[in-house]
Amino acid sequence: MMIDNKNEEFPIVDEMGNILGAVTRGHAHDGSKILHPVVHLHVFNSRGDLYLQHHTACGGHVDLGESVSQALHREVREELGITDFEPESLGHYVFESQREKELVYVHRCVYDGEVKPSQEELAGGRFWAKDEISENIGKGVFTPNFENEYQKFFM
């Protein structure tokens, strides 16, 4: 598993995504609740099954100087080995936990090619049928962030 670089820089944004400054990863995640952007991609196959890793969608932080699209393509390439996908933007929302506050840009795509999860980034993953996801919501199988996002955008 990769170790976080606490000095890596992220943009500070407002709720509309306007860049206001910069913050280090360490400070963004230390409880300061400085709003910074992240990207999520929900990868469906043509049967409607959703690929999940660590019981959540693919995604990561937008680096300082990087666009949302650039970050999305970088994260999907790094995590799933996918380079030929067409993302559909579903919008954005603010997610807040005890240690951070993120502006989450949500995307989806349909992809029937090979998924090659990074062994450095992830411990694998698989496609889940919609019924299987629905049956496991609220049972501690998925991350709370994934459950909230799935219910908001896909149920």
Protein backbone atom coordinates (compact mmCIF):
# COMPACT_ATOMS: atom_id res chain seq x y z
CA MET A 1 0.00 0.00 0.00
CA MET A 2 1.32 3.45 -0.89
CA ILE A 3 2.20 5.88 1.88
CA ASP A 4 0.57 9.31 1.78
CA ASN A 5 2.86 12.24 0.99
CA LYS A 6 1.75 14.75 3.63
CA ASN A 7 3.52 17.56 1.71
CA GLU A 8 1.65 16.92 -1.55
CA GLU A 9 -0.40 20.01 -2.43
CA PHE A 10 -4.11 20.21 -3.20
CA PRO A 11 -6.11 23.23 -4.28
CA ILE A 12 -8.32 24.93 -1.70
CA VAL A 13 -11.73 25.49 -3.30
CA ASP A 14 -15.10 27.01 -2.55
CA GLU A 15 -18.32 24.99 -2.97
CA MET A 16 -18.48 25.96 -6.66
CA GLY A 17 -14.96 24.63 -7.30
CA ASN A 18 -13.24 28.01 -7.63
CA ILE A 19 -9.59 27.75 -6.57
CA LEU A 20 -8.77 29.96 -3.59
CA GLY A 21 -5.28 28.77 -2.66
CA ALA A 22 -3.28 25.66 -1.79
CA VAL A 23 -3.08 23.25 1.14
CA THR A 24 -0.83 20.29 1.91
CA ARG A 25 -2.33 16.81 2.15
CA GLY A 26 -1.32 16.69 5.81
CA HIS A 27 -3.12 19.94 6.68
CA ALA A 28 -6.17 19.04 4.54
CA HIS A 29 -6.58 15.84 6.58
CA ASP A 30 -5.70 17.07 10.08
CA GLY A 31 -9.19 18.15 11.09
CA SER A 32 -8.85 21.66 9.67
CA LYS A 33 -11.77 20.92 7.31
CA ILE A 34 -10.26 22.98 4.49
CA LEU A 35 -12.38 22.25 1.41
CA HIS A 36 -10.38 20.48 -1.31
CA PRO A 37 -11.51 18.61 -4.44
CA VAL A 38 -11.65 14.88 -5.11
CA VAL A 39 -12.94 12.79 -8.01
CA HIS A 40 -15.00 9.59 -7.96
CA LEU A 41 -15.75 7.32 -10.91
CA HIS A 42 -18.42 4.64 -10.76
CA VAL A 43 -17.48 2.03 -13.38
CA PHE A 44 -20.47 0.03 -14.62
CA ASN A 45 -20.38 -2.77 -17.16
CA SER A 46 -23.07 -3.06 -19.84
CA ARG A 47 -25.06 -5.42 -17.58
CA GLY A 48 -25.36 -2.65 -14.97
CA ASP A 49 -22.93 -4.19 -12.47
CA LEU A 50 -20.70 -1.73 -10.57
CA TYR A 51 -16.97 -2.26 -10.00
CA LEU A 52 -15.97 -1.68 -6.37
CA GLN A 53 -12.57 -1.75 -4.69
CA HIS A 54 -12.24 -1.79 -0.92
CA HIS A 55 -16.03 -1.55 -1.02
CA THR A 56 -16.02 1.88 -2.63
CA ALA A 57 -15.76 3.57 -6.03
CA CYS A 58 -12.54 4.54 -7.82
CA GLY A 59 -11.20 7.96 -6.99
CA GLY A 60 -8.74 10.26 -5.37
CA HIS A 61 -7.59 13.81 -4.83
CA VAL A 62 -7.18 16.54 -7.42
CA ASP A 63 -3.58 17.75 -7.23
CA LEU A 64 -2.66 21.44 -7.31
CA GLY A 65 -2.41 22.54 -10.96
CA GLU A 66 -4.50 19.61 -12.21
CA SER A 67 -8.01 19.81 -13.69
CA VAL A 68 -10.87 17.58 -12.50
CA SER A 69 -10.68 15.69 -15.81
CA GLN A 70 -6.91 15.20 -15.53
CA ALA A 71 -7.25 13.94 -11.95
CA LEU A 72 -10.07 11.57 -12.90
CA HIS A 73 -8.10 10.03 -15.77
CA ARG A 74 -4.92 9.77 -13.65
CA GLU A 75 -6.70 8.09 -10.72
CA VAL A 76 -8.56 5.59 -12.94
CA ARG A 77 -5.34 4.71 -14.79
CA GLU A 78 -3.41 4.31 -11.50
CA GLU A 79 -6.09 2.37 -9.63
CA LEU A 80 -7.80 0.29 -12.33
CA GLY A 81 -5.46 0.35 -15.33
CA ILE A 82 -8.26 1.82 -17.49
CA THR A 83 -7.37 4.51 -20.03
CA ASP A 84 -10.13 4.25 -22.66
CA PHE A 85 -13.32 5.34 -20.90
CA GLU A 86 -15.80 8.16 -21.42
CA PRO A 87 -16.85 9.67 -18.09
CA GLU A 88 -20.25 11.26 -17.60
CA SER A 89 -20.34 14.00 -14.97
CA LEU A 90 -23.13 13.61 -12.41
CA GLY A 91 -22.35 16.78 -10.48
CA HIS A 92 -20.61 17.52 -7.21
CA TYR A 93 -21.37 17.75 -3.51
CA VAL A 94 -19.57 18.50 -0.24
CA PHE A 95 -18.57 15.54 1.93
CA GLU A 96 -17.43 16.16 5.49
CA SER A 97 -15.94 13.73 7.98
CA GLN A 98 -14.26 14.27 11.35
CA ARG A 99 -10.90 14.87 9.70
CA GLU A 100 -11.62 16.50 6.34
CA LYS A 101 -14.00 18.32 4.02
CA GLU A 102 -14.04 17.47 0.31
CA LEU A 103 -15.74 18.79 -2.80
CA VAL A 104 -16.56 15.49 -4.52
CA TYR A 105 -16.91 15.45 -8.31
CA VAL A 106 -18.95 12.35 -9.21
CA HIS A 107 -18.73 10.58 -12.57
CA ARG A 108 -19.93 7.34 -14.08
CA CYS A 109 -19.01 5.33 -17.16
CA VAL A 110 -19.88 2.08 -18.87
CA TYR A 111 -16.81 -0.07 -19.44
CA ASP A 112 -16.63 -3.68 -20.61
CA GLY A 113 -12.86 -3.97 -21.00
CA GLU A 114 -10.36 -5.55 -18.66
CA VAL A 115 -9.94 -4.01 -15.20
CA LYS A 116 -6.38 -4.36 -13.90
CA PRO A 117 -6.31 -3.08 -10.30
CA SER A 118 -2.99 -1.71 -9.09
CA GLN A 119 -1.41 -3.93 -6.47
CA GLU A 120 0.30 -0.84 -4.99
CA GLU A 121 -2.92 1.15 -4.61
CA LEU A 122 -5.51 -1.55 -3.98
CA ALA A 123 -6.17 -5.06 -2.82
CA GLY A 124 -8.31 -5.85 -5.86
CA GLY A 125 -12.00 -5.49 -6.47
CA ARG A 126 -14.90 -6.91 -8.45
CA PHE A 127 -18.18 -6.11 -10.17
CA TRP A 128 -21.26 -6.09 -7.91
CA ALA A 129 -24.83 -6.57 -9.18
CA LYS A 130 -27.29 -3.81 -8.27
CA ASP A 131 -29.36 -6.23 -6.15
CA GLU A 132 -26.24 -7.37 -4.31
CA ILE A 133 -25.35 -3.76 -3.48
CA SER A 134 -28.91 -2.99 -2.34
CA GLU A 135 -28.94 -6.08 -0.09
CA ASN A 136 -25.71 -4.96 1.63
CA ILE A 137 -26.46 -1.23 2.13
CA GLY A 138 -26.46 -0.41 5.83
CA LYS A 139 -24.74 -3.64 6.87
CA GLY A 140 -21.20 -2.28 7.23
CA VAL A 141 -20.02 -3.89 3.98
CA PHE A 142 -19.40 -0.59 2.14
CA THR A 143 -17.85 2.68 3.22
CA PRO A 144 -20.38 5.23 4.52
CA ASN A 145 -19.23 7.68 1.83
CA PHE A 146 -19.93 5.14 -0.93
CA GLU A 147 -23.36 4.28 0.50
CA ASN A 148 -24.40 7.94 0.68
CA GLU A 149 -23.16 8.60 -2.85
CA TYR A 150 -24.73 5.45 -4.31
CA GLN A 151 -28.11 6.22 -2.75
CA LYS A 152 -27.95 9.84 -3.96
CA PHE A 153 -26.97 9.13 -7.57
CA PHE A 154 -27.98 5.56 -8.42
CA MET A 155 -31.06 4.49 -6.42
